[in-house]
Amino acid sequence: MDPETLLARARETLDAAYVPYSEYPVGAALETVDGTVYVGCNIENANYSNALHAEEVAVAEAVKQGHTEFAGLAVVSAREDGVTPCGMCRQTLAEFASESLPVYCGEGEGYTEYALGDLIPNTIHRDMLE
């Protein structure tokens, strides 16, 4: 799927975000290798550490449906400020995706593209736990 379409899918989730504390809606769209797209939005909690991030929600939905191989991720905020996945989300993505996974971050009228490995080099991986 082209980046613009994936970004549009991420933007569609912004209205569903539950953000009474930060007032910073974030949406994500995660494409699987078979072309299925799963979306997520951030869901805040009064106990901030229990908040769910948009990328995590999308990954959880994909994994729940049996998908663990991904082709691309789009992330946007309502501010269109080029938000990137946080460190926790980067690590979650690294569990399932290669370092070359394209990550498209909505910024103004366009986007910036990163490779997951550039956002989180030398990640913790399962081989370290064996």
N, C-alpha and C. Protein backbone atom coordinates (compact mmCIF):
# COMPACT_ATOMS: atom_id res chain seq x y z
N MET A 1 0.85 -1.17 0.00
CA MET A 1 0.00 0.00 0.00
C MET A 1 0.90 1.23 0.00
N ASP A 2 0.49 2.25 -0.71
CA ASP A 2 1.33 3.45 -0.75
C ASP A 2 1.25 4.21 0.57
N PRO A 3 2.31 4.97 0.90
CA PRO A 3 2.36 5.66 2.19
C PRO A 3 1.18 6.61 2.43
N GLU A 4 0.73 7.32 1.40
CA GLU A 4 -0.37 8.27 1.58
C GLU A 4 -1.66 7.57 2.02
N THR A 5 -1.93 6.41 1.44
CA THR A 5 -3.13 5.66 1.81
C THR A 5 -3.01 5.14 3.23
N LEU A 6 -1.85 4.65 3.59
CA LEU A 6 -1.64 4.16 4.95
C LEU A 6 -1.75 5.31 5.96
N LEU A 7 -1.21 6.46 5.62
CA LEU A 7 -1.34 7.64 6.49
C LEU A 7 -2.81 8.06 6.63
N ALA A 8 -3.56 7.99 5.55
CA ALA A 8 -4.98 8.33 5.60
C ALA A 8 -5.73 7.39 6.54
N ARG A 9 -5.39 6.11 6.50
CA ARG A 9 -6.03 5.14 7.40
C ARG A 9 -5.70 5.48 8.85
N ALA A 10 -4.46 5.90 9.12
CA ALA A 10 -4.08 6.29 10.48
C ALA A 10 -4.86 7.52 10.92
N ARG A 11 -5.02 8.49 10.01
CA ARG A 11 -5.76 9.72 10.35
C ARG A 11 -7.23 9.43 10.69
N GLU A 12 -7.79 8.41 10.07
CA GLU A 12 -9.19 8.05 10.32
C GLU A 12 -9.43 7.67 11.78
N THR A 13 -8.40 7.28 12.50
CA THR A 13 -8.57 6.84 13.88
C THR A 13 -8.47 7.97 14.90
N LEU A 14 -8.02 9.13 14.46
CA LEU A 14 -7.76 10.22 15.42
C LEU A 14 -9.00 10.60 16.23
N ASP A 15 -10.17 10.59 15.61
CA ASP A 15 -11.39 10.95 16.33
C ASP A 15 -11.76 9.93 17.40
N ALA A 16 -11.27 8.72 17.27
CA ALA A 16 -11.58 7.68 18.26
C ALA A 16 -10.64 7.71 19.46
N ALA A 17 -9.55 8.47 19.38
CA ALA A 17 -8.58 8.52 20.48
C ALA A 17 -9.25 9.02 21.75
N TYR A 18 -8.86 8.42 22.87
CA TYR A 18 -9.35 8.84 24.18
C TYR A 18 -8.18 9.53 24.88
N VAL A 19 -8.19 10.86 24.86
CA VAL A 19 -7.02 11.62 25.32
C VAL A 19 -7.41 12.79 26.23
N PRO A 20 -8.13 12.52 27.33
CA PRO A 20 -8.57 13.61 28.19
C PRO A 20 -7.44 14.31 28.95
N TYR A 21 -6.28 13.70 29.03
CA TYR A 21 -5.18 14.26 29.81
C TYR A 21 -4.19 15.03 28.94
N SER A 22 -3.74 14.42 27.89
CA SER A 22 -2.75 15.08 27.03
C SER A 22 -3.40 15.91 25.93
N GLU A 23 -4.64 15.55 25.57
CA GLU A 23 -5.31 16.18 24.43
C GLU A 23 -4.43 16.10 23.18
N TYR A 24 -3.76 14.96 23.02
CA TYR A 24 -2.83 14.72 21.92
C TYR A 24 -3.20 13.41 21.22
N PRO A 25 -4.19 13.44 20.33
CA PRO A 25 -4.60 12.22 19.64
C PRO A 25 -3.53 11.71 18.68
N VAL A 26 -3.32 10.40 18.71
CA VAL A 26 -2.38 9.75 17.80
C VAL A 26 -3.11 8.58 17.16
N GLY A 27 -2.86 8.40 15.86
CA GLY A 27 -3.42 7.27 15.13
C GLY A 27 -2.32 6.50 14.45
N ALA A 28 -2.54 5.21 14.28
CA ALA A 28 -1.56 4.36 13.61
C ALA A 28 -2.28 3.40 12.68
N ALA A 29 -1.61 3.07 11.58
CA ALA A 29 -2.11 2.06 10.65
C ALA A 29 -0.95 1.14 10.34
N LEU A 30 -1.15 -0.14 10.56
CA LEU A 30 -0.12 -1.15 10.40
C LEU A 30 -0.54 -2.10 9.30
N GLU A 31 0.29 -2.19 8.25
CA GLU A 31 -0.01 -3.08 7.14
C GLU A 31 0.74 -4.40 7.31
N THR A 32 0.03 -5.50 7.14
CA THR A 32 0.65 -6.82 7.20
C THR A 32 1.21 -7.17 5.83
N VAL A 33 2.01 -8.22 5.76
CA VAL A 33 2.61 -8.61 4.48
C VAL A 33 1.56 -9.05 3.46
N ASP A 34 0.37 -9.44 3.92
CA ASP A 34 -0.67 -9.83 2.96
C ASP A 34 -1.58 -8.65 2.57
N GLY A 35 -1.24 -7.44 3.05
CA GLY A 35 -1.99 -6.25 2.67
C GLY A 35 -3.12 -5.86 3.60
N THR A 36 -3.37 -6.65 4.63
CA THR A 36 -4.39 -6.29 5.62
C THR A 36 -3.87 -5.13 6.46
N VAL A 37 -4.76 -4.20 6.79
CA VAL A 37 -4.36 -3.05 7.59
C VAL A 37 -5.12 -3.07 8.92
N TYR A 38 -4.38 -2.90 10.00
CA TYR A 38 -4.95 -2.79 11.33
C TYR A 38 -4.65 -1.40 11.85
N VAL A 39 -5.64 -0.78 12.48
CA VAL A 39 -5.47 0.59 12.96
C VAL A 39 -5.56 0.64 14.47
N GLY A 40 -5.04 1.71 15.02
CA GLY A 40 -5.11 1.91 16.46
C GLY A 40 -5.06 3.39 16.78
N CYS A 41 -5.54 3.74 17.94
CA CYS A 41 -5.45 5.11 18.44
C CYS A 41 -5.01 5.04 19.89
N ASN A 42 -4.51 6.15 20.41
CA ASN A 42 -4.07 6.13 21.80
C ASN A 42 -5.28 6.20 22.73
N ILE A 43 -5.13 5.52 23.87
CA ILE A 43 -6.18 5.44 24.88
C ILE A 43 -5.51 5.73 26.22
N GLU A 44 -5.80 6.89 26.76
CA GLU A 44 -5.14 7.31 28.00
C GLU A 44 -5.88 6.80 29.23
N ASN A 45 -5.19 6.89 30.36
CA ASN A 45 -5.70 6.43 31.63
C ASN A 45 -5.21 7.40 32.70
N ALA A 46 -5.98 7.60 33.74
CA ALA A 46 -5.56 8.50 34.81
C ALA A 46 -4.22 8.07 35.41
N ASN A 47 -3.93 6.79 35.39
CA ASN A 47 -2.61 6.28 35.77
C ASN A 47 -1.81 6.25 34.46
N TYR A 48 -1.07 7.29 34.19
CA TYR A 48 -0.44 7.49 32.88
C TYR A 48 0.31 6.27 32.35
N SER A 49 0.91 5.51 33.23
CA SER A 49 1.69 4.35 32.76
C SER A 49 0.80 3.26 32.17
N ASN A 50 -0.50 3.34 32.38
CA ASN A 50 -1.42 2.35 31.82
C ASN A 50 -2.00 2.78 30.48
N ALA A 51 -1.57 3.91 29.95
CA ALA A 51 -2.06 4.36 28.65
C ALA A 51 -1.63 3.39 27.56
N LEU A 52 -2.47 3.25 26.56
CA LEU A 52 -2.15 2.42 25.40
C LEU A 52 -1.79 3.35 24.24
N HIS A 53 -0.72 3.03 23.55
CA HIS A 53 -0.28 3.85 22.43
C HIS A 53 -0.91 3.31 21.15
N ALA A 54 -1.12 4.19 20.20
CA ALA A 54 -1.78 3.83 18.95
C ALA A 54 -1.10 2.66 18.26
N GLU A 55 0.23 2.69 18.21
CA GLU A 55 0.97 1.62 17.54
C GLU A 55 0.77 0.29 18.25
N GLU A 56 0.76 0.30 19.57
CA GLU A 56 0.55 -0.92 20.35
C GLU A 56 -0.84 -1.50 20.09
N VAL A 57 -1.83 -0.62 20.01
CA VAL A 57 -3.20 -1.08 19.77
C VAL A 57 -3.29 -1.74 18.39
N ALA A 58 -2.64 -1.15 17.39
CA ALA A 58 -2.65 -1.73 16.04
C ALA A 58 -1.91 -3.07 16.02
N VAL A 59 -0.75 -3.14 16.67
CA VAL A 59 0.01 -4.40 16.73
C VAL A 59 -0.82 -5.47 17.44
N ALA A 60 -1.43 -5.12 18.54
CA ALA A 60 -2.22 -6.09 19.31
C ALA A 60 -3.37 -6.65 18.47
N GLU A 61 -4.03 -5.78 17.74
CA GLU A 61 -5.13 -6.25 16.90
C GLU A 61 -4.64 -7.18 15.81
N ALA A 62 -3.52 -6.83 15.19
CA ALA A 62 -2.95 -7.68 14.13
C ALA A 62 -2.54 -9.04 14.68
N VAL A 63 -1.83 -9.04 15.80
CA VAL A 63 -1.37 -10.29 16.39
C VAL A 63 -2.56 -11.14 16.83
N LYS A 64 -3.56 -10.49 17.38
CA LYS A 64 -4.77 -11.20 17.81
C LYS A 64 -5.42 -11.92 16.63
N GLN A 65 -5.29 -11.35 15.43
CA GLN A 65 -5.86 -11.96 14.23
C GLN A 65 -4.88 -12.90 13.52
N GLY A 66 -3.72 -13.16 14.16
CA GLY A 66 -2.78 -14.13 13.62
C GLY A 66 -1.69 -13.57 12.72
N HIS A 67 -1.58 -12.25 12.65
CA HIS A 67 -0.55 -11.62 11.81
C HIS A 67 0.65 -11.22 12.64
N THR A 68 1.82 -11.64 12.21
CA THR A 68 3.05 -11.27 12.92
C THR A 68 4.15 -10.81 11.96
N GLU A 69 3.80 -10.57 10.71
CA GLU A 69 4.76 -10.05 9.74
C GLU A 69 4.17 -8.79 9.11
N PHE A 70 4.95 -7.72 9.15
CA PHE A 70 4.42 -6.43 8.75
C PHE A 70 5.20 -5.81 7.60
N ALA A 71 4.48 -5.01 6.80
CA ALA A 71 5.06 -4.40 5.60
C ALA A 71 5.25 -2.89 5.74
N GLY A 72 4.54 -2.26 6.66
CA GLY A 72 4.67 -0.82 6.83
C GLY A 72 3.81 -0.30 7.96
N LEU A 73 4.19 0.84 8.49
CA LEU A 73 3.47 1.48 9.59
C LEU A 73 3.36 2.97 9.30
N ALA A 74 2.18 3.52 9.53
CA ALA A 74 1.98 4.96 9.45
C ALA A 74 1.54 5.45 10.83
N VAL A 75 2.10 6.59 11.25
CA VAL A 75 1.76 7.19 12.54
C VAL A 75 1.50 8.67 12.31
N VAL A 76 0.41 9.16 12.88
CA VAL A 76 0.07 10.58 12.76
C VAL A 76 -0.45 11.10 14.10
N SER A 77 -0.31 12.38 14.30
CA SER A 77 -0.96 13.04 15.42
C SER A 77 -1.91 14.08 14.83
N ALA A 78 -2.84 14.52 15.65
CA ALA A 78 -3.77 15.55 15.17
C ALA A 78 -3.02 16.84 14.83
N ARG A 79 -1.86 17.02 15.41
CA ARG A 79 -1.06 18.23 15.14
C ARG A 79 -0.22 18.10 13.87
N GLU A 80 -0.17 16.91 13.30
CA GLU A 80 0.63 16.67 12.07
C GLU A 80 2.06 17.17 12.26
N ASP A 81 2.64 16.82 13.41
CA ASP A 81 3.96 17.34 13.79
C ASP A 81 5.09 16.35 13.56
N GLY A 82 4.83 15.28 12.83
CA GLY A 82 5.89 14.32 12.54
C GLY A 82 6.17 13.35 13.67
N VAL A 83 5.20 13.13 14.54
CA VAL A 83 5.38 12.24 15.68
C VAL A 83 5.92 10.89 15.21
N THR A 84 6.89 10.37 15.97
CA THR A 84 7.44 9.04 15.70
C THR A 84 7.02 8.11 16.85
N PRO A 85 7.07 6.81 16.62
CA PRO A 85 6.76 5.89 17.72
C PRO A 85 7.74 6.10 18.88
N CYS A 86 7.23 5.97 20.09
CA CYS A 86 8.09 6.10 21.26
C CYS A 86 8.99 4.87 21.38
N GLY A 87 9.90 4.88 22.30
CA GLY A 87 10.82 3.77 22.48
C GLY A 87 10.13 2.45 22.79
N MET A 88 9.10 2.50 23.61
CA MET A 88 8.38 1.28 23.96
C MET A 88 7.70 0.70 22.72
N CYS A 89 7.09 1.55 21.91
CA CYS A 89 6.43 1.08 20.69
C CYS A 89 7.45 0.57 19.68
N ARG A 90 8.60 1.22 19.62
CA ARG A 90 9.66 0.76 18.71
C ARG A 90 10.10 -0.65 19.08
N GLN A 91 10.26 -0.90 20.36
CA GLN A 91 10.66 -2.23 20.81
C GLN A 91 9.57 -3.25 20.50
N THR A 92 8.32 -2.89 20.71
CA THR A 92 7.21 -3.79 20.38
C THR A 92 7.23 -4.12 18.89
N LEU A 93 7.41 -3.12 18.06
CA LEU A 93 7.47 -3.35 16.61
C LEU A 93 8.65 -4.25 16.24
N ALA A 94 9.78 -4.04 16.91
CA ALA A 94 10.99 -4.82 16.61
C ALA A 94 10.80 -6.30 16.93
N GLU A 95 9.86 -6.63 17.80
CA GLU A 95 9.58 -8.03 18.10
C GLU A 95 9.07 -8.77 16.86
N PHE A 96 8.36 -8.05 16.00
CA PHE A 96 7.70 -8.67 14.85
C PHE A 96 8.25 -8.24 13.50
N ALA A 97 8.88 -7.10 13.42
CA ALA A 97 9.25 -6.53 12.13
C ALA A 97 10.76 -6.46 11.96
N SER A 98 11.18 -6.46 10.72
CA SER A 98 12.61 -6.34 10.42
C SER A 98 13.05 -4.89 10.58
N GLU A 99 14.35 -4.71 10.61
CA GLU A 99 14.91 -3.36 10.72
C GLU A 99 14.54 -2.49 9.53
N SER A 100 14.18 -3.11 8.42
CA SER A 100 13.85 -2.34 7.22
C SER A 100 12.39 -1.92 7.14
N LEU A 101 11.58 -2.27 8.14
CA LEU A 101 10.16 -1.88 8.12
C LEU A 101 10.05 -0.38 7.91
N PRO A 102 9.34 0.07 6.86
CA PRO A 102 9.16 1.51 6.68
C PRO A 102 8.15 2.07 7.69
N VAL A 103 8.53 3.18 8.30
CA VAL A 103 7.67 3.87 9.26
C VAL A 103 7.43 5.27 8.69
N TYR A 104 6.17 5.56 8.36
CA TYR A 104 5.79 6.84 7.77
C TYR A 104 5.16 7.71 8.85
N CYS A 105 5.73 8.89 9.07
CA CYS A 105 5.26 9.78 10.13
C CYS A 105 4.68 11.04 9.49
N GLY A 106 3.37 11.23 9.68
CA GLY A 106 2.67 12.36 9.08
C GLY A 106 3.20 13.69 9.60
N GLU A 107 3.52 14.56 8.65
CA GLU A 107 4.10 15.85 9.01
C GLU A 107 3.58 16.90 8.03
N GLY A 108 2.70 17.77 8.53
CA GLY A 108 2.12 18.79 7.67
C GLY A 108 1.37 18.14 6.52
N GLU A 109 1.65 18.59 5.32
CA GLU A 109 1.00 18.03 4.12
C GLU A 109 1.67 16.75 3.64
N GLY A 110 2.82 16.39 4.22
CA GLY A 110 3.56 15.23 3.75
C GLY A 110 3.88 14.26 4.86
N TYR A 111 5.02 13.63 4.74
CA TYR A 111 5.45 12.66 5.75
C TYR A 111 6.96 12.50 5.67
N THR A 112 7.52 11.98 6.76
CA THR A 112 8.92 11.60 6.80
C THR A 112 8.95 10.09 6.92
N GLU A 113 9.82 9.46 6.16
CA GLU A 113 9.95 8.00 6.20
C GLU A 113 11.23 7.61 6.92
N TYR A 114 11.09 6.65 7.81
CA TYR A 114 12.22 6.08 8.54
C TYR A 114 12.21 4.57 8.33
N ALA A 115 13.33 3.94 8.55
CA ALA A 115 13.37 2.49 8.69
C ALA A 115 13.35 2.21 10.19
N LEU A 116 12.64 1.17 10.60
CA LEU A 116 12.54 0.86 12.02
C LEU A 116 13.92 0.74 12.65
N GLY A 117 14.86 0.12 11.96
CA GLY A 117 16.21 -0.04 12.49
C GLY A 117 16.94 1.26 12.73
N ASP A 118 16.57 2.31 11.98
CA ASP A 118 17.16 3.63 12.23
C ASP A 118 16.57 4.26 13.48
N LEU A 119 15.31 3.95 13.76
CA LEU A 119 14.65 4.49 14.95
C LEU A 119 15.06 3.77 16.22
N ILE A 120 15.38 2.48 16.10
CA ILE A 120 15.80 1.71 17.28
C ILE A 120 16.91 0.73 16.87
N PRO A 121 18.12 1.24 16.80
CA PRO A 121 19.25 0.36 16.46
C PRO A 121 19.60 -0.54 17.65
N ASN A 122 20.20 -1.65 17.36
CA ASN A 122 20.68 -2.58 18.40
C ASN A 122 19.59 -2.94 19.39
N THR A 123 18.44 -3.29 18.88
CA THR A 123 17.29 -3.60 19.70
C THR A 123 17.51 -4.86 20.56
N ILE A 124 16.72 -5.00 21.58
CA ILE A 124 16.67 -6.22 22.36
C ILE A 124 15.90 -7.23 21.50
N HIS A 125 16.44 -8.43 21.33
CA HIS A 125 15.77 -9.42 20.52
C HIS A 125 15.80 -10.77 21.23
N ARG A 126 14.98 -11.67 20.73
CA ARG A 126 14.78 -12.96 21.42
C ARG A 126 16.05 -13.79 21.57
N ASP A 127 17.00 -13.64 20.64
CA ASP A 127 18.25 -14.40 20.76
C ASP A 127 19.02 -14.04 22.05
N MET A 128 18.82 -12.86 22.55
CA MET A 128 19.49 -12.44 23.79
C MET A 128 18.94 -13.16 25.01
N LEU A 129 17.75 -13.70 24.88
CA LEU A 129 17.09 -14.33 26.03
C LEU A 129 17.30 -15.83 26.09
N GLU A 130 18.00 -16.36 25.12
CA GLU A 130 18.22 -17.81 25.09
C GLU A 130 19.49 -18.19 25.79
